[in-house]
Amino acid sequence: MTNLHTINPGTYTFSLWARDDRGWSGVFRRSFTVNARVPAAPTNLRSDNVTHNSLTFRWNAAARATSYTVYRYNNGWRNIGSTTGTSFNITGLNPNTRYWFAVRAWNTGGTSGLRITNLNQEVLSLRSVRTMPVGGRQPFGFQ
């Protein structure tokens, strides 16, 4: 059996026959085309170039991704931009403020799951970075 989540792009035809005491049934055939597989989620979310009001948000490339969308949590997830690379400059931040950022990979097959990082930034220093997959849960903070 083929796992449809790992099938390669192309056209596939499935055929089905059934047999009972009276013999074989007619054939049932269906074809479908797979254009592209959904990309994997980005990994290893991190930041660098941290200043008093900005940082560079980075991640490792996701398999099959052609672009990425970056989100910031502020009373809901808000799209703050897109890129084809694996980093995004974020400005307009405040010192001693907790921020949540997320990234999602895209291609013609669809979108990956959302990956979140929790950044607790203090002036000119980054205290912690943590990632987790999101399944409809609110972001969390460090205790």
C-alpha atoms as a PDB file:
ATOM      1  CA  MET A   1       0.000   0.000   0.000  1.00  0.00           C
ATOM      2  CA  THR A   2       1.267   3.488  -0.851  1.00  0.00           C
ATOM      3  CA  ASN A   3       1.113   6.277   1.712  1.00  0.00           C
ATOM      4  CA  LEU A   4      -0.556   9.154  -0.140  1.00  0.00           C
ATOM      5  CA  HIS A   5       1.374  11.710   1.933  1.00  0.00           C
ATOM      6  CA  THR A   6       4.665  10.548   0.422  1.00  0.00           C
ATOM      7  CA  ILE A   7       3.558   9.898  -3.151  1.00  0.00           C
ATOM      8  CA  ASN A   8       5.583  11.620  -5.869  1.00  0.00           C
ATOM      9  CA  PRO A   9       3.997  14.049  -8.328  1.00  0.00           C
ATOM     10  CA  GLY A  10       2.497  12.356 -11.396  1.00  0.00           C
ATOM     11  CA  THR A  11      -0.687  10.699 -12.655  1.00  0.00           C
ATOM     12  CA  TYR A  12      -1.918   7.522 -10.967  1.00  0.00           C
ATOM     13  CA  THR A  13      -4.703   5.078 -11.803  1.00  0.00           C
ATOM     14  CA  PHE A  14      -6.266   2.763  -9.247  1.00  0.00           C
ATOM     15  CA  SER A  15      -8.209  -0.335 -10.336  1.00  0.00           C
ATOM     16  CA  LEU A  16     -10.509  -2.414  -8.172  1.00  0.00           C
ATOM     17  CA  TRP A  17     -12.130  -5.786  -8.846  1.00  0.00           C
ATOM     18  CA  ALA A  18     -14.319  -7.776  -6.500  1.00  0.00           C
ATOM     19  CA  ARG A  19     -15.056 -11.510  -6.486  1.00  0.00           C
ATOM     20  CA  ASP A  20     -17.852 -13.466  -4.895  1.00  0.00           C
ATOM     21  CA  ASP A  21     -19.510 -16.885  -5.459  1.00  0.00           C
ATOM     22  CA  ARG A  22     -20.818 -15.714  -8.823  1.00  0.00           C
ATOM     23  CA  GLY A  23     -17.391 -14.651 -10.142  1.00  0.00           C
ATOM     24  CA  TRP A  24     -15.534 -11.419 -10.783  1.00  0.00           C
ATOM     25  CA  SER A  25     -17.182  -8.013 -10.897  1.00  0.00           C
ATOM     26  CA  GLY A  26     -16.496  -5.401 -13.495  1.00  0.00           C
ATOM     27  CA  VAL A  27     -13.457  -3.216 -13.003  1.00  0.00           C
ATOM     28  CA  PHE A  28     -13.716   0.100 -11.205  1.00  0.00           C
ATOM     29  CA  ARG A  29     -10.986   2.591 -12.235  1.00  0.00           C
ATOM     30  CA  ARG A  30     -10.163   6.074 -11.069  1.00  0.00           C
ATOM     31  CA  SER A  31      -7.240   8.279 -12.072  1.00  0.00           C
ATOM     32  CA  PHE A  32      -5.890  11.316 -10.294  1.00  0.00           C
ATOM     33  CA  THR A  33      -2.960  13.654 -10.717  1.00  0.00           C
ATOM     34  CA  VAL A  34      -0.633  14.770  -7.945  1.00  0.00           C
ATOM     35  CA  ASN A  35       0.897  18.125  -8.846  1.00  0.00           C
ATOM     36  CA  ALA A  36       3.176  18.667  -5.848  1.00  0.00           C
ATOM     37  CA  ARG A  37       3.563  17.405  -2.317  1.00  0.00           C
ATOM     38  CA  VAL A  38       2.892  19.770   0.579  1.00  0.00           C
ATOM     39  CA  PRO A  39       6.172  21.092   2.019  1.00  0.00           C
ATOM     40  CA  ALA A  40       7.540  20.012   5.369  1.00  0.00           C
ATOM     41  CA  ALA A  41       7.372  22.492   8.260  1.00  0.00           C
ATOM     42  CA  PRO A  42      10.443  24.706   8.779  1.00  0.00           C
ATOM     43  CA  THR A  43      12.731  23.664  11.651  1.00  0.00           C
ATOM     44  CA  ASN A  44      15.368  25.156  13.952  1.00  0.00           C
ATOM     45  CA  LEU A  45      13.703  28.547  14.399  1.00  0.00           C
ATOM     46  CA  ARG A  46      16.100  31.099  15.865  1.00  0.00           C
ATOM     47  CA  SER A  47      17.111  34.734  15.781  1.00  0.00           C
ATOM     48  CA  ASP A  48      20.260  36.805  15.518  1.00  0.00           C
ATOM     49  CA  ASN A  49      21.286  40.407  14.799  1.00  0.00           C
ATOM     50  CA  VAL A  50      19.205  41.413  17.817  1.00  0.00           C
ATOM     51  CA  THR A  51      19.120  45.160  18.549  1.00  0.00           C
ATOM     52  CA  HIS A  52      16.956  47.296  20.833  1.00  0.00           C
ATOM     53  CA  ASN A  53      14.133  47.271  18.231  1.00  0.00           C
ATOM     54  CA  SER A  54      14.784  44.576  15.627  1.00  0.00           C
ATOM     55  CA  LEU A  55      16.041  41.073  14.948  1.00  0.00           C
ATOM     56  CA  THR A  56      16.564  38.634  12.106  1.00  0.00           C
ATOM     57  CA  PHE A  57      14.273  35.606  12.349  1.00  0.00           C
ATOM     58  CA  ARG A  58      15.829  32.472  10.790  1.00  0.00           C
ATOM     59  CA  TRP A  59      14.892  28.831  10.178  1.00  0.00           C
ATOM     60  CA  ASN A  60      16.217  25.806   8.323  1.00  0.00           C
ATOM     61  CA  ALA A  61      14.858  25.240   4.837  1.00  0.00           C
ATOM     62  CA  ALA A  62      11.818  22.995   4.611  1.00  0.00           C
ATOM     63  CA  ALA A  63      11.809  20.156   2.095  1.00  0.00           C
ATOM     64  CA  ARG A  64       9.824  21.056  -1.044  1.00  0.00           C
ATOM     65  CA  ALA A  65       9.202  24.679   0.060  1.00  0.00           C
ATOM     66  CA  THR A  66       9.272  27.453  -2.529  1.00  0.00           C
ATOM     67  CA  SER A  67       8.392  30.326  -0.179  1.00  0.00           C
ATOM     68  CA  TYR A  68       7.677  31.126   3.458  1.00  0.00           C
ATOM     69  CA  THR A  69       5.189  33.351   5.261  1.00  0.00           C
ATOM     70  CA  VAL A  70       6.138  34.929   8.605  1.00  0.00           C
ATOM     71  CA  TYR A  71       3.574  35.707  11.303  1.00  0.00           C
ATOM     72  CA  ARG A  72       3.614  37.694  14.535  1.00  0.00           C
ATOM     73  CA  TYR A  73       1.190  37.086  17.396  1.00  0.00           C
ATOM     74  CA  ASN A  74      -0.561  40.257  18.551  1.00  0.00           C
ATOM     75  CA  ASN A  75      -4.148  39.467  19.622  1.00  0.00           C
ATOM     76  CA  GLY A  76      -4.177  36.841  16.861  1.00  0.00           C
ATOM     77  CA  TRP A  77      -1.705  35.685  14.236  1.00  0.00           C
ATOM     78  CA  ARG A  78      -0.906  38.387  11.700  1.00  0.00           C
ATOM     79  CA  ASN A  79       0.972  37.902   8.438  1.00  0.00           C
ATOM     80  CA  ILE A  80       3.965  40.264   8.541  1.00  0.00           C
ATOM     81  CA  GLY A  81       5.568  39.235   5.264  1.00  0.00           C
ATOM     82  CA  SER A  82       6.818  36.580   2.889  1.00  0.00           C
ATOM     83  CA  THR A  83      10.188  35.513   1.569  1.00  0.00           C
ATOM     84  CA  THR A  84      11.753  32.865  -0.628  1.00  0.00           C
ATOM     85  CA  GLY A  85      14.780  32.693   1.678  1.00  0.00           C
ATOM     86  CA  THR A  86      15.249  31.288   5.167  1.00  0.00           C
ATOM     87  CA  SER A  87      15.402  34.549   7.103  1.00  0.00           C
ATOM     88  CA  PHE A  88      13.246  37.610   7.666  1.00  0.00           C
ATOM     89  CA  ASN A  89      14.151  40.973   9.228  1.00  0.00           C
ATOM     90  CA  ILE A  90      11.649  42.122  11.840  1.00  0.00           C
ATOM     91  CA  THR A  91      11.639  45.747  12.993  1.00  0.00           C
ATOM     92  CA  GLY A  92       9.569  47.911  15.311  1.00  0.00           C
ATOM     93  CA  LEU A  93      10.091  45.744  18.405  1.00  0.00           C
ATOM     94  CA  ASN A  94      10.238  46.996  21.983  1.00  0.00           C
ATOM     95  CA  PRO A  95      12.908  46.015  24.548  1.00  0.00           C
ATOM     96  CA  ASN A  96      11.875  43.786  27.467  1.00  0.00           C
ATOM     97  CA  THR A  97       8.844  42.529  25.553  1.00  0.00           C
ATOM     98  CA  ARG A  98       7.796  38.960  24.847  1.00  0.00           C
ATOM     99  CA  TYR A  99       7.150  38.152  21.177  1.00  0.00           C
ATOM    100  CA  TRP A 100       5.805  35.142  19.347  1.00  0.00           C
ATOM    101  CA  PHE A 101       6.742  34.613  15.714  1.00  0.00           C
ATOM    102  CA  ALA A 102       5.770  31.812  13.389  1.00  0.00           C
ATOM    103  CA  VAL A 103       6.712  30.627   9.931  1.00  0.00           C
ATOM    104  CA  ARG A 104       4.884  28.471   7.419  1.00  0.00           C
ATOM    105  CA  ALA A 105       6.286  26.885   4.241  1.00  0.00           C
ATOM    106  CA  TRP A 106       4.419  27.015   0.910  1.00  0.00           C
ATOM    107  CA  ASN A 107       4.532  25.448  -2.542  1.00  0.00           C
ATOM    108  CA  THR A 108       2.007  24.704  -5.292  1.00  0.00           C
ATOM    109  CA  GLY A 109       0.836  21.651  -3.321  1.00  0.00           C
ATOM    110  CA  GLY A 110      -0.230  23.693  -0.298  1.00  0.00           C
ATOM    111  CA  THR A 111       1.123  24.792   3.045  1.00  0.00           C
ATOM    112  CA  SER A 112       3.020  23.201   5.900  1.00  0.00           C
ATOM    113  CA  GLY A 113       1.993  23.282   9.507  1.00  0.00           C
ATOM    114  CA  LEU A 114       2.743  26.467  11.410  1.00  0.00           C
ATOM    115  CA  ARG A 115       5.951  26.537  13.468  1.00  0.00           C
ATOM    116  CA  ILE A 116       6.135  28.947  16.395  1.00  0.00           C
ATOM    117  CA  THR A 117       9.066  30.370  18.297  1.00  0.00           C
ATOM    118  CA  ASN A 118       8.811  32.189  21.610  1.00  0.00           C
ATOM    119  CA  LEU A 119      11.321  35.032  21.822  1.00  0.00           C
ATOM    120  CA  ASN A 120      11.757  36.809  25.134  1.00  0.00           C
ATOM    121  CA  GLN A 121      13.857  39.770  24.100  1.00  0.00           C
ATOM    122  CA  GLU A 122      15.632  42.112  26.442  1.00  0.00           C
ATOM    123  CA  VAL A 123      17.658  45.084  25.277  1.00  0.00           C
ATOM    124  CA  LEU A 124      20.396  43.825  22.940  1.00  0.00           C
ATOM    125  CA  SER A 125      20.073  40.224  24.133  1.00  0.00           C
ATOM    126  CA  LEU A 126      17.975  37.228  23.358  1.00  0.00           C
ATOM    127  CA  ARG A 127      17.186  35.142  26.417  1.00  0.00           C
ATOM    128  CA  SER A 128      15.482  32.087  24.938  1.00  0.00           C
ATOM    129  CA  VAL A 129      14.171  30.459  21.804  1.00  0.00           C
ATOM    130  CA  ARG A 130      11.753  27.520  21.785  1.00  0.00           C
ATOM    131  CA  THR A 131       9.782  25.848  18.995  1.00  0.00           C
ATOM    132  CA  MET A 132       6.650  23.753  18.946  1.00  0.00           C
ATOM    133  CA  PRO A 133       4.174  22.552  16.330  1.00  0.00           C
ATOM    134  CA  VAL A 134       0.813  24.256  16.616  1.00  0.00           C
ATOM    135  CA  GLY A 135      -2.496  22.437  16.587  1.00  0.00           C
ATOM    136  CA  GLY A 136      -4.910  25.300  17.199  1.00  0.00           C
ATOM    137  CA  ARG A 137      -3.443  26.153  20.616  1.00  0.00           C
ATOM    138  CA  GLN A 138      -2.585  29.593  21.897  1.00  0.00           C
ATOM    139  CA  PRO A 139       1.134  30.401  22.161  1.00  0.00           C
ATOM    140  CA  PHE A 140       2.716  29.857  25.521  1.00  0.00           C
ATOM    141  CA  GLY A 141       5.346  31.727  27.527  1.00  0.00           C
ATOM    142  CA  PHE A 142       8.242  30.705  29.690  1.00  0.00           C
ATOM    143  CA  GLN A 143       7.739  30.352  33.404  1.00  0.00           C
END
